[in-house]
Amino acid sequence: MAEVKYLVVLPTIPNESDRMSKMGIQGCLLQEPEQFSINFVNSPSCTDNITYHFKVRVPAQTIVENYKINGEWSDAHQEKYLNIFDESTFSLEFQFDYNNSTIHVYQVRGQGHNFVTKFETLFSLSDIQSIQVWGDVQKINQFSLSYD
């Protein structure tokens, strides 16, 4: 079974009006990567409930998005032939829309942000307590959180 490569437990914000608005992540992939994923998890110690699962199947240039509730995966949503992960590095930004319970994903290149996908979540975005990175990731170069 695969292991979590990186785990970030989000800080508890005492004022509920201060919510995470963006999460940025930059990293390097292993040589000849097959896949990697970023999970927005509702508990740092249990993966039974995942608000958002973002997986990249690198050779197929496919993104798989879904969620997990009570240990069961939802039906996967796939978008093919994106051709955005053709390098050994990745730079992504996840923007959180609490009013519509959606996550917008962008690829960051220089000062530009290229839209990748949008995912409507079943759980409230406020339920996210940690972020996990799985798969063929060699290292994370930068990880950032922005709050309202």
C-alpha atoms as a PDB file:
ATOM      1  CA  MET A   1       0.000   0.000   0.000  1.00  0.00           C
ATOM      2  CA  ALA A   2       1.250   3.499  -0.808  1.00  0.00           C
ATOM      3  CA  GLU A   3       2.324   5.868   1.918  1.00  0.00           C
ATOM      4  CA  VAL A   4       1.745   9.529   2.570  1.00  0.00           C
ATOM      5  CA  LYS A   5       4.869  11.344   1.335  1.00  0.00           C
ATOM      6  CA  TYR A   6       4.006  14.712   2.922  1.00  0.00           C
ATOM      7  CA  LEU A   7       1.449  15.716   5.524  1.00  0.00           C
ATOM      8  CA  VAL A   8       0.523  19.231   6.566  1.00  0.00           C
ATOM      9  CA  VAL A   9      -1.851  19.710   9.481  1.00  0.00           C
ATOM     10  CA  LEU A  10      -3.656  22.997   9.031  1.00  0.00           C
ATOM     11  CA  PRO A  11      -3.546  25.486  11.883  1.00  0.00           C
ATOM     12  CA  THR A  12      -6.677  25.901  13.937  1.00  0.00           C
ATOM     13  CA  ILE A  13      -8.089  29.349  13.365  1.00  0.00           C
ATOM     14  CA  PRO A  14      -9.922  30.644  16.454  1.00  0.00           C
ATOM     15  CA  ASN A  15     -11.925  33.178  14.410  1.00  0.00           C
ATOM     16  CA  GLU A  16     -14.134  31.213  12.007  1.00  0.00           C
ATOM     17  CA  SER A  17     -14.300  34.149   9.603  1.00  0.00           C
ATOM     18  CA  ASP A  18     -10.573  33.669   8.871  1.00  0.00           C
ATOM     19  CA  ARG A  19     -10.617  30.812   6.384  1.00  0.00           C
ATOM     20  CA  MET A  20      -8.001  29.388   4.061  1.00  0.00           C
ATOM     21  CA  SER A  21      -8.568  31.012   0.670  1.00  0.00           C
ATOM     22  CA  LYS A  22      -5.626  29.524  -1.279  1.00  0.00           C
ATOM     23  CA  MET A  23      -3.122  26.729  -1.022  1.00  0.00           C
ATOM     24  CA  GLY A  24      -0.030  26.675  -3.224  1.00  0.00           C
ATOM     25  CA  ILE A  25       2.304  23.751  -3.738  1.00  0.00           C
ATOM     26  CA  GLN A  26       5.440  23.348  -5.841  1.00  0.00           C
ATOM     27  CA  GLY A  27       7.464  20.197  -6.079  1.00  0.00           C
ATOM     28  CA  CYS A  28       9.659  17.805  -8.034  1.00  0.00           C
ATOM     29  CA  LEU A  29       8.564  14.422  -9.296  1.00  0.00           C
ATOM     30  CA  LEU A  30      10.627  11.238  -9.348  1.00  0.00           C
ATOM     31  CA  GLN A  31      12.155  10.134 -12.645  1.00  0.00           C
ATOM     32  CA  GLU A  32       9.507   8.547 -14.874  1.00  0.00           C
ATOM     33  CA  PRO A  33       6.599   9.298 -12.530  1.00  0.00           C
ATOM     34  CA  GLU A  34       3.373   7.342 -12.850  1.00  0.00           C
ATOM     35  CA  GLN A  35       1.096   9.383 -10.594  1.00  0.00           C
ATOM     36  CA  PHE A  36       0.791  11.669  -7.626  1.00  0.00           C
ATOM     37  CA  SER A  37      -2.141  12.950  -5.623  1.00  0.00           C
ATOM     38  CA  ILE A  38      -3.053  15.698  -3.220  1.00  0.00           C
ATOM     39  CA  ASN A  39      -5.757  14.932  -0.663  1.00  0.00           C
ATOM     40  CA  PHE A  40      -7.655  17.518   1.361  1.00  0.00           C
ATOM     41  CA  VAL A  41      -8.492  15.375   4.382  1.00  0.00           C
ATOM     42  CA  ASN A  42     -11.043  15.920   7.149  1.00  0.00           C
ATOM     43  CA  SER A  43      -8.811  14.364   9.843  1.00  0.00           C
ATOM     44  CA  PRO A  44      -4.996  14.287  10.042  1.00  0.00           C
ATOM     45  CA  SER A  45      -5.046  10.734  11.420  1.00  0.00           C
ATOM     46  CA  CYS A  46      -7.792   9.106   9.319  1.00  0.00           C
ATOM     47  CA  THR A  47      -8.472   9.076   5.573  1.00  0.00           C
ATOM     48  CA  ASP A  48     -12.080   7.827   5.755  1.00  0.00           C
ATOM     49  CA  ASN A  49     -13.379  11.283   4.786  1.00  0.00           C
ATOM     50  CA  ILE A  50     -11.574  13.215   2.064  1.00  0.00           C
ATOM     51  CA  THR A  51     -13.153  16.476   0.920  1.00  0.00           C
ATOM     52  CA  TYR A  52     -11.134  16.546  -2.309  1.00  0.00           C
ATOM     53  CA  HIS A  53      -8.818  14.035  -3.968  1.00  0.00           C
ATOM     54  CA  PHE A  54      -6.766  15.445  -6.871  1.00  0.00           C
ATOM     55  CA  LYS A  55      -4.755  12.763  -8.683  1.00  0.00           C
ATOM     56  CA  VAL A  56      -2.555  13.182 -11.755  1.00  0.00           C
ATOM     57  CA  ARG A  57      -1.781  10.137 -13.882  1.00  0.00           C
ATOM     58  CA  VAL A  58       1.318  11.582 -15.500  1.00  0.00           C
ATOM     59  CA  PRO A  59       1.911   9.387 -18.603  1.00  0.00           C
ATOM     60  CA  ALA A  60      -1.789   9.503 -19.545  1.00  0.00           C
ATOM     61  CA  GLN A  61      -2.009  13.257 -18.778  1.00  0.00           C
ATOM     62  CA  THR A  62      -5.233  12.530 -16.886  1.00  0.00           C
ATOM     63  CA  ILE A  63      -6.579  14.193 -13.794  1.00  0.00           C
ATOM     64  CA  VAL A  64      -8.865  12.193 -11.520  1.00  0.00           C
ATOM     65  CA  GLU A  65     -10.994  14.090  -9.011  1.00  0.00           C
ATOM     66  CA  ASN A  66     -13.241  12.627  -6.356  1.00  0.00           C
ATOM     67  CA  TYR A  67     -13.969  12.433  -2.648  1.00  0.00           C
ATOM     68  CA  LYS A  68     -14.249   9.743   0.006  1.00  0.00           C
ATOM     69  CA  ILE A  69     -17.052   9.477   2.556  1.00  0.00           C
ATOM     70  CA  ASN A  70     -17.056   6.930   5.387  1.00  0.00           C
ATOM     71  CA  GLY A  71     -14.219   5.027   3.694  1.00  0.00           C
ATOM     72  CA  GLU A  72     -15.959   4.752   0.294  1.00  0.00           C
ATOM     73  CA  TRP A  73     -14.745   6.565  -2.852  1.00  0.00           C
ATOM     74  CA  SER A  74     -17.223   8.459  -4.988  1.00  0.00           C
ATOM     75  CA  ASP A  75     -17.505   7.895  -8.723  1.00  0.00           C
ATOM     76  CA  ALA A  76     -14.363   9.413 -10.238  1.00  0.00           C
ATOM     77  CA  HIS A  77     -14.501  12.413 -12.525  1.00  0.00           C
ATOM     78  CA  GLN A  78     -11.770  12.456 -15.160  1.00  0.00           C
ATOM     79  CA  GLU A  79     -10.469  15.008 -17.599  1.00  0.00           C
ATOM     80  CA  LYS A  80      -8.040  13.679 -20.191  1.00  0.00           C
ATOM     81  CA  TYR A  81      -5.328  15.065 -22.430  1.00  0.00           C
ATOM     82  CA  LEU A  82      -4.530  18.143 -20.394  1.00  0.00           C
ATOM     83  CA  ASN A  83      -0.820  17.959 -21.256  1.00  0.00           C
ATOM     84  CA  ILE A  84       0.197  20.183 -18.358  1.00  0.00           C
ATOM     85  CA  PHE A  85       2.482  17.813 -16.451  1.00  0.00           C
ATOM     86  CA  ASP A  86       5.166  17.302 -19.073  1.00  0.00           C
ATOM     87  CA  GLU A  87       8.049  18.279 -16.825  1.00  0.00           C
ATOM     88  CA  SER A  88       9.671  16.889 -13.716  1.00  0.00           C
ATOM     89  CA  THR A  89       8.254  19.737 -11.619  1.00  0.00           C
ATOM     90  CA  PHE A  90       4.758  20.925 -10.771  1.00  0.00           C
ATOM     91  CA  SER A  91       3.317  24.147  -9.401  1.00  0.00           C
ATOM     92  CA  LEU A  92      -0.348  24.239  -8.455  1.00  0.00           C
ATOM     93  CA  GLU A  93      -2.686  26.638  -6.700  1.00  0.00           C
ATOM     94  CA  PHE A  94      -5.975  25.573  -5.144  1.00  0.00           C
ATOM     95  CA  GLN A  95      -8.485  28.382  -4.533  1.00  0.00           C
ATOM     96  CA  PHE A  96     -11.399  27.803  -2.140  1.00  0.00           C
ATOM     97  CA  ASP A  97     -14.905  29.159  -2.797  1.00  0.00           C
ATOM     98  CA  TYR A  98     -16.780  28.558   0.470  1.00  0.00           C
ATOM     99  CA  ASN A  99     -20.081  30.026  -0.750  1.00  0.00           C
ATOM    100  CA  ASN A 100     -20.336  27.511  -3.591  1.00  0.00           C
ATOM    101  CA  SER A 101     -18.360  24.707  -1.896  1.00  0.00           C
ATOM    102  CA  THR A 102     -15.936  24.470  -4.821  1.00  0.00           C
ATOM    103  CA  ILE A 103     -12.194  24.215  -5.297  1.00  0.00           C
ATOM    104  CA  HIS A 104     -10.617  25.831  -8.357  1.00  0.00           C
ATOM    105  CA  VAL A 105      -7.238  24.416  -9.469  1.00  0.00           C
ATOM    106  CA  TYR A 106      -4.642  26.396 -11.421  1.00  0.00           C
ATOM    107  CA  GLN A 107      -1.250  25.539 -12.837  1.00  0.00           C
ATOM    108  CA  VAL A 108       1.225  28.282 -11.980  1.00  0.00           C
ATOM    109  CA  ARG A 109       3.904  29.202 -14.529  1.00  0.00           C
ATOM    110  CA  GLY A 110       5.898  32.333 -13.782  1.00  0.00           C
ATOM    111  CA  GLN A 111       3.346  35.037 -13.027  1.00  0.00           C
ATOM    112  CA  GLY A 112       0.578  33.233 -14.947  1.00  0.00           C
ATOM    113  CA  HIS A 113      -2.212  31.031 -13.650  1.00  0.00           C
ATOM    114  CA  ASN A 114      -3.698  28.538 -16.113  1.00  0.00           C
ATOM    115  CA  PHE A 115      -7.091  27.131 -15.153  1.00  0.00           C
ATOM    116  CA  VAL A 116      -7.010  23.333 -14.784  1.00  0.00           C
ATOM    117  CA  THR A 117     -10.311  22.284 -13.201  1.00  0.00           C
ATOM    118  CA  LYS A 118     -13.107  23.108 -10.771  1.00  0.00           C
ATOM    119  CA  PHE A 119     -14.571  20.600  -8.304  1.00  0.00           C
ATOM    120  CA  GLU A 120     -17.754  20.918  -6.286  1.00  0.00           C
ATOM    121  CA  THR A 121     -17.316  19.275  -2.882  1.00  0.00           C
ATOM    122  CA  LEU A 122     -19.816  17.276  -0.853  1.00  0.00           C
ATOM    123  CA  PHE A 123     -18.243  18.280   2.453  1.00  0.00           C
ATOM    124  CA  SER A 124     -17.896  21.827   3.685  1.00  0.00           C
ATOM    125  CA  LEU A 125     -14.482  23.265   2.843  1.00  0.00           C
ATOM    126  CA  SER A 126     -14.254  24.189   6.538  1.00  0.00           C
ATOM    127  CA  ASP A 127     -14.007  20.440   7.328  1.00  0.00           C
ATOM    128  CA  ILE A 128     -10.507  20.213   5.808  1.00  0.00           C
ATOM    129  CA  GLN A 129      -7.956  19.655   8.584  1.00  0.00           C
ATOM    130  CA  SER A 130      -4.905  18.428   6.715  1.00  0.00           C
ATOM    131  CA  ILE A 131      -3.345  18.090   3.293  1.00  0.00           C
ATOM    132  CA  GLN A 132      -1.576  14.924   2.172  1.00  0.00           C
ATOM    133  CA  VAL A 133       0.675  14.350  -0.830  1.00  0.00           C
ATOM    134  CA  TRP A 134       0.983  10.792  -2.144  1.00  0.00           C
ATOM    135  CA  GLY A 135       2.774   9.096  -5.012  1.00  0.00           C
ATOM    136  CA  ASP A 136       5.805   9.793  -7.161  1.00  0.00           C
ATOM    137  CA  VAL A 137       6.858  13.082  -5.563  1.00  0.00           C
ATOM    138  CA  GLN A 138      10.555  13.484  -4.812  1.00  0.00           C
ATOM    139  CA  LYS A 139      10.254  16.650  -2.744  1.00  0.00           C
ATOM    140  CA  ILE A 140       8.099  19.665  -2.032  1.00  0.00           C
ATOM    141  CA  ASN A 141       9.955  22.915  -2.749  1.00  0.00           C
ATOM    142  CA  GLN A 142       7.285  25.316  -1.556  1.00  0.00           C
ATOM    143  CA  PHE A 143       4.024  25.057   0.312  1.00  0.00           C
ATOM    144  CA  SER A 144       1.914  28.127   1.105  1.00  0.00           C
ATOM    145  CA  LEU A 145      -1.411  28.893   2.736  1.00  0.00           C
ATOM    146  CA  SER A 146      -3.341  32.151   2.318  1.00  0.00           C
ATOM    147  CA  TYR A 147      -6.192  33.162   4.606  1.00  0.00           C
ATOM    148  CA  ASP A 148      -9.044  35.671   4.235  1.00  0.00           C
END
